Amino acid sequence: MTNDAKKTRKNFTLRIKDDLSDKIAKEADSLGLTKTAFITMIIHKAMNQKIS
């Protein structure tokens, strides 16, 4: 990761139950993604949907 990319990212803590974490890990693994990448993808998709 470049220094510019590091400057545009923010870290935060997300507390979730173990069963949800396990589901996220399983789905991320099936797509060949890290949990972080999978969660980021889900957030991007949700933010791009029109809210009515």
C-alpha atoms as a PDB file:
ATOM      1  CA  MET A   1       0.000   0.000   0.000  1.00  0.00           C
ATOM      2  CA  THR A   2       1.342   3.417  -0.938  1.00  0.00           C
ATOM      3  CA  ASN A   3       1.655   6.293   1.498  1.00  0.00           C
ATOM      4  CA  ASP A   4      -1.120   8.129  -0.386  1.00  0.00           C
ATOM      5  CA  ALA A   5      -3.468   5.165   0.069  1.00  0.00           C
ATOM      6  CA  LYS A   6      -2.657   5.038   3.778  1.00  0.00           C
ATOM      7  CA  LYS A   7      -3.568   8.707   4.124  1.00  0.00           C
ATOM      8  CA  THR A   8      -7.057   8.139   2.698  1.00  0.00           C
ATOM      9  CA  ARG A   9      -8.003   5.294   5.056  1.00  0.00           C
ATOM     10  CA  LYS A  10      -9.436   5.480   8.558  1.00  0.00           C
ATOM     11  CA  ASN A  11      -9.373   2.772  11.199  1.00  0.00           C
ATOM     12  CA  PHE A  12     -12.271   2.045  13.518  1.00  0.00           C
ATOM     13  CA  THR A  13     -13.369  -0.726  15.832  1.00  0.00           C
ATOM     14  CA  LEU A  14     -16.482  -2.731  15.069  1.00  0.00           C
ATOM     15  CA  ARG A  15     -17.872  -4.947  17.813  1.00  0.00           C
ATOM     16  CA  ILE A  16     -19.984  -7.831  16.577  1.00  0.00           C
ATOM     17  CA  LYS A  17     -21.108 -11.164  17.968  1.00  0.00           C
ATOM     18  CA  ASP A  18     -18.993 -14.235  17.330  1.00  0.00           C
ATOM     19  CA  ASP A  19     -21.578 -15.904  15.096  1.00  0.00           C
ATOM     20  CA  LEU A  20     -21.743 -12.881  12.776  1.00  0.00           C
ATOM     21  CA  SER A  21     -17.945 -12.671  12.681  1.00  0.00           C
ATOM     22  CA  ASP A  22     -17.825 -16.348  11.708  1.00  0.00           C
ATOM     23  CA  LYS A  23     -20.376 -15.822   8.919  1.00  0.00           C
ATOM     24  CA  ILE A  24     -18.394 -12.845   7.608  1.00  0.00           C
ATOM     25  CA  ALA A  25     -15.159 -14.831   7.683  1.00  0.00           C
ATOM     26  CA  LYS A  26     -16.744 -17.764   5.842  1.00  0.00           C
ATOM     27  CA  GLU A  27     -18.284 -15.569   3.132  1.00  0.00           C
ATOM     28  CA  ALA A  28     -15.099 -13.514   2.735  1.00  0.00           C
ATOM     29  CA  ASP A  29     -13.039 -16.685   2.395  1.00  0.00           C
ATOM     30  CA  SER A  30     -15.399 -18.074  -0.246  1.00  0.00           C
ATOM     31  CA  LEU A  31     -14.789 -14.912  -2.287  1.00  0.00           C
ATOM     32  CA  GLY A  32     -11.039 -14.943  -1.673  1.00  0.00           C
ATOM     33  CA  LEU A  33     -11.213 -11.752   0.397  1.00  0.00           C
ATOM     34  CA  THR A  34     -10.095 -10.712   3.844  1.00  0.00           C
ATOM     35  CA  LYS A  35     -12.782  -9.883   6.385  1.00  0.00           C
ATOM     36  CA  THR A  36     -11.786  -6.224   6.093  1.00  0.00           C
ATOM     37  CA  ALA A  37     -12.110  -6.237   2.308  1.00  0.00           C
ATOM     38  CA  PHE A  38     -15.466  -8.025   2.505  1.00  0.00           C
ATOM     39  CA  ILE A  39     -16.890  -5.593   5.071  1.00  0.00           C
ATOM     40  CA  THR A  40     -15.599  -2.648   3.029  1.00  0.00           C
ATOM     41  CA  MET A  41     -17.281  -4.072  -0.080  1.00  0.00           C
ATOM     42  CA  ILE A  42     -20.594  -4.477   1.768  1.00  0.00           C
ATOM     43  CA  ILE A  43     -20.439  -0.895   3.070  1.00  0.00           C
ATOM     44  CA  HIS A  44     -19.642   0.477  -0.399  1.00  0.00           C
ATOM     45  CA  LYS A  45     -22.576  -1.429  -1.904  1.00  0.00           C
ATOM     46  CA  ALA A  46     -24.943  -0.174   0.797  1.00  0.00           C
ATOM     47  CA  MET A  47     -23.763   3.423   0.405  1.00  0.00           C
ATOM     48  CA  ASN A  48     -24.232   3.289  -3.383  1.00  0.00           C
ATOM     49  CA  GLN A  49     -27.841   2.102  -3.175  1.00  0.00           C
ATOM     50  CA  LYS A  50     -30.507   4.754  -3.407  1.00  0.00           C
ATOM     51  CA  ILE A  51     -32.205   5.405  -0.115  1.00  0.00           C
ATOM     52  CA  SER A  52     -35.923   6.031  -0.555  1.00  0.00           C
END
